[in-house]
Amino acid sequence: MTALPETIPVREAHRFPTQALEAFLAGQGLGALRDLRQMRGGQSNPTFLVVAEAGEYVLRKQPPGKLLPSAHAVDREFRVLTALGRTDVPVPRAIAFCADPAVIGTPFYLMERLHGRVFWDPALPDLPREERAPIYFAMNEALARLHRVDPAAVGLSDFGRAGNYFRRQIERWSGQWAASKTRENEAIDRLAAWLPAHIPEDDETRLCHGDFRLDNMIFHPTEARVIGIIDWELATLGHPLADLGYNCIAYNTDPSVYRGLLGRDLDALGIPSQEEYVRRYCARTGRPDGITPFHLAFALFRLAVILEGVLARSKAGNASSDEAAEKGALGIALAERGWELARG
């Protein structure tokens, strides 16, 4: 098979014998395994392109090694993809789940392989100016579609706990920080103390993606349309403004920190402002409000803790990406920006 730009040879740390996988594919009616390559990215769960007789599929598995409690829950990813496949939310089709770690070393699932565009840089440098706003508004529409879904109507009423989302999340990520800490990060500690005292009074429950950003979407090859939201590892029942705040991180971070847009001339780039982006989302979901500094500080706190976990896995030698150490090092800069927004 010709090497594809979105794939690399399987990393040494993620190699596994393929004989049992071949038997699993045959049992699913997918035929013989013809090729296996690793997808680029995948900071958390290793992701592979599986080429079988019946077609191309994407395999997502847990990383090797000791894992934090409740992390890397590929069974939950498969469940939410299956449920949303019956809605207008654009997701890849879920194919099969395997809970048996004897097959490739950890549980895994297969999903449809979508052919489209992935945009890694929020500035969209490879697109002409007039095509950038439509991409942002397509992402905005995909998020609104997700938050219009009634979890109970798609069998996900027990996909998480209803209510009190922010308090529970702050406690959870504070605990994850304590469990994965390999260095000091004073801004995370400050946010962990500040956030519980500033939780907004409004409380509601919808299905949240948990990692909703531009590069977790596959766009149509030529149209400004999302054909698949991917990477559902952090999905749960929660407050929709948590997703929106996370989605707006790029507006609030410097280009040197997580490819942010802060300080860029958005009008010259043809990219909508954060205010316009939030206004569109609220119009599509019927919300009278929007995000506040709390939502942005919470999003940056949470992402900083996630990246500290990536750094910890890199130091332990079982990270899912060669860029894990570099990504993990951003945890301090993101937390410091979150603290700046909280104070401001």
Protein backbone atom coordinates (compact mmCIF):
# COMPACT_ATOMS: atom_id res chain seq x y z
CA MET A 1 0.00 0.00 0.00
CA THR A 2 1.29 3.50 -0.83
CA ALA A 3 2.08 5.52 2.29
CA LEU A 4 -0.54 8.19 3.00
CA PRO A 5 0.35 11.63 4.45
CA GLU A 6 -2.00 11.08 7.41
CA THR A 7 -0.31 7.80 8.36
CA ILE A 8 3.10 6.65 9.60
CA PRO A 9 4.61 3.20 10.20
CA VAL A 10 3.39 1.74 13.48
CA ARG A 11 5.42 3.17 16.36
CA GLU A 12 7.60 0.70 18.20
CA ALA A 13 5.74 1.25 21.48
CA HIS A 14 2.40 0.45 19.84
CA ARG A 15 3.23 -2.64 17.81
CA PHE A 16 1.23 -5.80 18.41
CA PRO A 17 0.96 -9.24 16.76
CA THR A 18 -1.70 -9.16 14.05
CA GLN A 19 -2.73 -12.83 13.84
CA ALA A 20 -5.60 -12.48 16.33
CA LEU A 21 -6.68 -9.22 14.70
CA GLU A 22 -6.86 -11.00 11.35
CA ALA A 23 -9.14 -13.62 12.92
CA PHE A 24 -11.31 -10.86 14.44
CA LEU A 25 -11.64 -9.12 11.07
CA ALA A 26 -12.62 -12.37 9.40
CA GLY A 27 -15.21 -12.98 12.10
CA GLN A 28 -16.74 -9.57 11.36
CA GLY A 29 -16.97 -10.43 7.66
CA LEU A 30 -14.27 -7.92 6.71
CA GLY A 31 -11.91 -10.43 5.13
CA ALA A 32 -8.13 -10.64 5.32
CA LEU A 33 -5.89 -7.91 6.72
CA ARG A 34 -3.91 -6.30 3.90
CA ASP A 35 -2.13 -3.44 5.66
CA LEU A 36 -1.86 -1.72 9.03
CA ARG A 37 -0.47 1.77 9.58
CA GLN A 38 -0.65 4.24 12.44
CA MET A 39 -2.52 7.52 12.06
CA ARG A 40 -0.68 10.73 12.87
CA GLY A 41 -1.72 12.49 16.06
CA GLY A 42 -3.53 10.39 18.63
CA GLN A 43 -2.09 11.97 21.78
CA SER A 44 -4.25 9.74 23.94
CA ASN A 45 -5.59 6.61 22.27
CA PRO A 46 -3.39 5.08 19.54
CA THR A 47 -5.25 5.12 16.24
CA PHE A 48 -4.57 2.96 13.18
CA LEU A 49 -5.63 2.61 9.58
CA VAL A 50 -6.72 -0.97 8.94
CA VAL A 51 -6.91 -2.05 5.30
CA ALA A 52 -8.94 -5.23 4.90
CA GLU A 53 -10.46 -7.03 1.95
CA ALA A 54 -13.81 -5.34 2.58
CA GLY A 55 -12.37 -1.81 2.77
CA GLU A 56 -10.55 0.67 4.98
CA TYR A 57 -11.34 1.12 8.66
CA VAL A 58 -9.99 3.10 11.60
CA LEU A 59 -9.00 1.21 14.76
CA ARG A 60 -8.86 2.97 18.13
CA LYS A 61 -7.32 1.23 21.15
CA GLN A 62 -6.13 2.00 24.63
CA PRO A 63 -2.43 2.84 25.03
CA PRO A 64 -0.15 0.24 26.61
CA GLY A 65 0.99 0.48 30.20
CA LYS A 66 -0.63 1.57 33.46
CA LEU A 67 -3.60 3.89 32.89
CA LEU A 68 -5.35 6.43 35.08
CA PRO A 69 -8.76 5.32 36.41
CA SER A 70 -11.60 5.81 33.86
CA ALA A 71 -9.16 7.10 31.21
CA HIS A 72 -8.95 5.86 27.61
CA ALA A 73 -12.47 4.36 27.69
CA VAL A 74 -12.74 3.15 24.10
CA ASP A 75 -15.94 1.30 24.96
CA ARG A 76 -17.60 4.65 25.70
CA GLU A 77 -16.34 6.05 22.40
CA PHE A 78 -17.91 3.15 20.55
CA ARG A 79 -21.18 3.53 22.43
CA VAL A 80 -21.57 7.24 21.70
CA LEU A 81 -20.68 6.79 18.01
CA THR A 82 -23.30 4.04 17.75
CA ALA A 83 -25.96 6.21 19.40
CA LEU A 84 -25.21 9.34 17.37
CA GLY A 85 -25.24 7.34 14.14
CA ARG A 86 -29.05 7.59 14.41
CA THR A 87 -29.05 11.41 14.55
CA ASP A 88 -28.05 14.32 12.30
CA VAL A 89 -24.76 14.72 14.18
CA PRO A 90 -21.96 13.90 11.71
CA VAL A 91 -19.97 10.93 13.04
CA PRO A 92 -18.13 7.97 11.48
CA ARG A 93 -20.15 4.76 11.41
CA ALA A 94 -19.30 2.43 14.30
CA ILE A 95 -18.36 -1.06 12.99
CA ALA A 96 -17.36 -3.38 15.85
CA PHE A 97 -16.05 -3.37 19.43
CA CYS A 98 -13.68 -5.91 21.00
CA ALA A 99 -13.34 -6.04 24.79
CA ASP A 100 -10.87 -8.94 24.78
CA PRO A 101 -7.33 -7.67 25.49
CA ALA A 102 -5.92 -10.95 24.16
CA VAL A 103 -6.56 -9.85 20.56
CA ILE A 104 -4.20 -6.85 20.31
CA GLY A 105 -3.26 -6.20 23.94
CA THR A 106 -6.08 -3.82 24.92
CA PRO A 107 -9.78 -3.33 24.11
CA PHE A 108 -10.39 -1.60 20.78
CA TYR A 109 -13.05 -0.71 18.25
CA LEU A 110 -13.36 -0.28 14.51
CA MET A 111 -15.14 2.57 12.76
CA GLU A 112 -15.67 3.77 9.24
CA ARG A 113 -12.69 5.45 7.59
CA LEU A 114 -13.82 8.85 6.28
CA HIS A 115 -12.04 10.56 3.41
CA GLY A 116 -11.92 14.31 3.84
CA ARG A 117 -9.92 17.24 5.14
CA VAL A 118 -8.48 17.77 8.63
CA PHE A 119 -7.37 21.30 9.50
CA TRP A 120 -4.64 21.36 12.13
CA ASP A 121 -4.06 25.12 12.28
CA PRO A 122 -6.99 27.35 13.42
CA ALA A 123 -5.64 30.12 11.14
CA LEU A 124 -6.42 27.87 8.14
CA PRO A 125 -3.31 29.03 6.22
CA ASP A 126 -3.90 26.58 3.35
CA LEU A 127 -7.31 28.05 2.49
CA PRO A 128 -8.09 31.32 0.69
CA ARG A 129 -9.60 34.03 2.91
CA GLU A 130 -13.15 33.61 1.62
CA GLU A 131 -13.24 29.91 2.57
CA ARG A 132 -12.21 30.32 6.21
CA ALA A 133 -15.40 31.69 7.78
CA PRO A 134 -17.55 28.93 6.21
CA ILE A 135 -15.28 26.32 7.83
CA TYR A 136 -15.71 27.95 11.24
CA PHE A 137 -19.47 28.18 10.86
CA ALA A 138 -19.63 24.53 9.75
CA MET A 139 -17.79 23.58 12.95
CA ASN A 140 -20.22 25.79 14.86
CA GLU A 141 -23.21 24.02 13.29
CA ALA A 142 -21.76 20.59 14.14
CA LEU A 143 -21.46 21.60 17.80
CA ALA A 144 -24.99 23.00 17.83
CA ARG A 145 -26.33 19.75 16.33
CA LEU A 146 -24.63 17.76 19.08
CA HIS A 147 -26.09 19.92 21.82
CA ARG A 148 -29.59 19.74 20.33
CA VAL A 149 -29.61 15.95 20.83
CA ASP A 150 -31.71 14.70 23.74
CA PRO A 151 -29.45 12.10 25.43
CA ALA A 152 -32.44 10.07 26.62
CA ALA A 153 -33.84 9.89 23.09
CA VAL A 154 -30.70 8.10 21.84
CA GLY A 155 -30.24 5.79 24.83
CA LEU A 156 -27.56 7.85 26.57
CA SER A 157 -29.43 9.03 29.67
CA ASP A 158 -26.94 7.00 31.77
CA PHE A 159 -23.84 8.12 29.87
CA GLY A 160 -22.88 10.31 32.80
CA ARG A 161 -24.36 11.97 35.85
CA ALA A 162 -26.89 14.75 35.32
CA GLY A 163 -26.36 18.12 36.99
CA ASN A 164 -23.57 19.77 38.96
CA TYR A 165 -21.23 19.15 36.03
CA PHE A 166 -18.61 21.84 36.63
CA ARG A 167 -18.10 21.02 40.31
CA ARG A 168 -17.69 17.31 39.55
CA GLN A 169 -15.32 18.02 36.66
CA ILE A 170 -13.16 20.35 38.72
CA GLU A 171 -12.86 17.64 41.36
CA ARG A 172 -12.12 14.99 38.74
CA TRP A 173 -9.39 16.93 36.95
CA SER A 174 -7.87 18.08 40.21
CA GLY A 175 -7.62 14.40 41.09
CA GLN A 176 -6.12 13.56 37.69
CA TRP A 177 -3.56 16.31 38.21
CA ALA A 178 -2.56 14.81 41.55
CA ALA A 179 -2.32 11.33 39.99
CA SER A 180 -0.23 12.33 36.97
CA LYS A 181 1.91 15.14 38.43
CA THR A 182 5.57 14.95 37.43
CA ARG A 183 6.52 18.60 38.09
CA GLU A 184 5.16 21.77 39.67
CA ASN A 185 2.49 23.82 37.85
CA GLU A 186 1.41 26.63 40.15
CA ALA A 187 -1.22 28.00 37.76
CA ILE A 188 -3.07 24.67 37.78
CA ASP A 189 -3.06 24.75 41.59
CA ARG A 190 -4.43 28.32 41.59
CA LEU A 191 -7.19 27.44 39.14
CA ALA A 192 -8.09 24.33 41.14
CA ALA A 193 -8.73 26.64 44.12
CA TRP A 194 -10.42 29.50 42.16
CA LEU A 195 -12.82 27.57 39.92
CA PRO A 196 -15.02 25.93 42.61
CA ALA A 197 -15.79 29.36 44.08
CA HIS A 198 -16.88 30.84 40.74
CA ILE A 199 -19.18 28.21 39.22
CA PRO A 200 -22.16 29.85 37.43
CA GLU A 201 -25.57 29.18 38.96
CA ASP A 202 -27.18 27.88 35.77
CA ASP A 203 -27.18 24.10 35.45
CA GLU A 204 -28.25 21.93 32.53
CA THR A 205 -27.31 18.61 30.98
CA ARG A 206 -26.63 17.72 27.35
CA LEU A 207 -24.27 15.36 25.56
CA CYS A 208 -20.78 16.91 25.51
CA HIS A 209 -17.88 15.88 23.28
CA GLY A 210 -15.21 16.98 25.74
CA ASP A 211 -12.49 17.69 23.16
CA PHE A 212 -14.37 19.71 20.55
CA ARG A 213 -11.78 21.50 18.45
CA LEU A 214 -11.07 22.07 14.77
CA ASP A 215 -8.66 19.16 14.26
CA ASN A 216 -11.10 16.67 15.78
CA MET A 217 -13.34 17.10 12.76
CA ILE A 218 -13.17 15.69 9.26
CA PHE A 219 -14.52 18.08 6.65
CA HIS A 220 -15.92 17.24 3.24
CA PRO A 221 -13.14 17.13 0.59
CA THR A 222 -14.44 20.25 -1.19
CA GLU A 223 -17.41 21.63 0.77
CA ALA A 224 -17.47 23.60 4.03
CA ARG A 225 -19.25 20.79 5.83
CA VAL A 226 -18.28 18.51 8.71
CA ILE A 227 -18.69 14.85 7.74
CA GLY A 228 -17.34 13.36 10.95
CA ILE A 229 -16.61 14.47 14.51
CA ILE A 230 -13.92 12.17 15.91
CA ASP A 231 -12.06 11.44 19.17
CA TRP A 232 -14.94 10.90 21.61
CA GLU A 233 -12.83 9.62 24.49
CA LEU A 234 -13.88 12.43 26.85
CA ALA A 235 -17.57 12.46 25.89
CA THR A 236 -20.07 12.50 28.74
CA LEU A 237 -23.24 14.17 29.94
CA GLY A 238 -22.39 17.72 30.91
CA HIS A 239 -22.96 21.42 30.48
CA PRO A 240 -22.95 22.52 26.82
CA LEU A 241 -21.06 25.73 27.60
CA ALA A 242 -18.11 23.59 28.68
CA ASP A 243 -17.84 22.37 25.09
CA LEU A 244 -18.28 25.88 23.70
CA GLY A 245 -15.65 27.33 26.02
CA TYR A 246 -13.20 24.60 25.06
CA ASN A 247 -13.99 25.18 21.38
CA CYS A 248 -12.99 28.84 21.87
CA ILE A 249 -9.57 28.15 23.39
CA ALA A 250 -7.87 29.09 20.12
CA TYR A 251 -9.32 32.61 20.36
CA ASN A 252 -7.70 33.04 23.77
CA THR A 253 -4.21 31.63 23.29
CA ASP A 254 -1.14 32.95 21.53
CA PRO A 255 -0.03 31.45 18.16
CA SER A 256 3.01 30.00 19.94
CA VAL A 257 0.75 28.21 22.43
CA TYR A 258 -1.41 25.50 20.93
CA ARG A 259 -1.67 27.31 17.57
CA GLY A 260 -3.84 30.09 19.03
CA LEU A 261 -5.34 33.12 17.31
CA LEU A 262 -4.81 35.69 20.08
CA GLY A 263 -3.33 38.87 18.61
CA ARG A 264 -3.98 37.82 15.01
CA ASP A 265 -5.96 40.10 12.65
CA LEU A 266 -9.07 37.93 12.35
CA ASP A 267 -10.75 40.28 9.88
CA ALA A 268 -7.75 40.10 7.57
CA LEU A 269 -7.74 36.32 7.91
CA GLY A 270 -11.47 36.12 7.20
CA ILE A 271 -12.11 34.29 10.48
CA PRO A 272 -15.14 35.26 12.59
CA SER A 273 -14.52 36.85 15.97
CA GLN A 274 -15.21 34.91 19.14
CA GLU A 275 -18.25 37.15 19.74
CA GLU A 276 -19.73 36.32 16.32
CA TYR A 277 -18.90 32.64 16.71
CA VAL A 278 -20.65 32.45 20.10
CA ARG A 279 -23.60 34.48 18.79
CA ARG A 280 -24.10 32.00 15.93
CA TYR A 281 -23.97 29.06 18.33
CA CYS A 282 -26.52 30.66 20.66
CA ALA A 283 -28.86 31.38 17.75
CA ARG A 284 -28.62 27.75 16.58
CA THR A 285 -29.27 26.33 20.05
CA GLY A 286 -31.75 28.91 21.30
CA ARG A 287 -29.52 30.04 24.16
CA PRO A 288 -29.93 33.52 25.65
CA ASP A 289 -26.41 33.50 27.12
CA GLY A 290 -22.85 32.66 26.13
CA ILE A 291 -19.49 31.85 27.65
CA THR A 292 -17.83 33.81 30.46
CA PRO A 293 -14.23 33.99 31.76
CA PHE A 294 -15.14 31.06 34.04
CA HIS A 295 -15.89 28.79 31.07
CA LEU A 296 -12.61 29.74 29.36
CA ALA A 297 -10.56 29.36 32.56
CA PHE A 298 -12.17 25.97 33.20
CA ALA A 299 -11.41 24.84 29.64
CA LEU A 300 -7.75 25.86 29.93
CA PHE A 301 -7.42 24.26 33.38
CA ARG A 302 -8.80 21.00 32.07
CA LEU A 303 -6.63 21.02 28.94
CA ALA A 304 -3.54 21.84 31.00
CA VAL A 305 -4.20 18.83 33.22
CA ILE A 306 -4.74 16.61 30.15
CA LEU A 307 -1.41 17.75 28.69
CA GLU A 308 0.36 17.18 32.00
CA GLY A 309 -0.96 13.62 31.71
CA VAL A 310 0.45 13.40 28.19
CA LEU A 311 3.81 14.55 29.56
CA ALA A 312 3.64 11.93 32.31
CA ARG A 313 2.97 9.17 29.74
CA SER A 314 5.86 10.47 27.64
CA LYS A 315 8.20 10.25 30.62
CA ALA A 316 6.90 6.74 31.32
CA GLY A 317 7.54 5.74 27.71
CA ASN A 318 3.96 4.82 26.71
CA ALA A 319 2.67 8.03 25.10
CA SER A 320 0.65 7.70 21.89
CA SER A 321 2.56 10.29 19.86
CA ASP A 322 6.18 11.18 19.18
CA GLU A 323 5.17 14.80 19.93
CA ALA A 324 3.85 13.95 23.40
CA ALA A 325 6.71 15.56 25.35
CA GLU A 326 6.40 18.78 23.32
CA LYS A 327 2.62 18.86 23.73
CA GLY A 328 2.83 18.08 27.42
CA ALA A 329 5.21 20.96 28.00
CA LEU A 330 2.41 23.36 27.02
CA GLY A 331 0.59 22.54 30.25
CA ILE A 332 2.24 25.42 32.12
CA ALA A 333 1.55 28.03 29.41
CA LEU A 334 -2.11 27.01 29.10
CA ALA A 335 -2.69 27.01 32.84
CA GLU A 336 -1.05 30.43 33.16
CA ARG A 337 -3.34 31.79 30.43
CA GLY A 338 -6.35 30.28 32.22
CA TRP A 339 -5.30 31.99 35.45
CA GLU A 340 -4.87 35.30 33.59
CA LEU A 341 -8.45 35.02 32.24
CA ALA A 342 -9.77 34.08 35.67
CA ARG A 343 -8.19 37.14 37.30
CA GLY A 344 -9.20 39.43 34.43
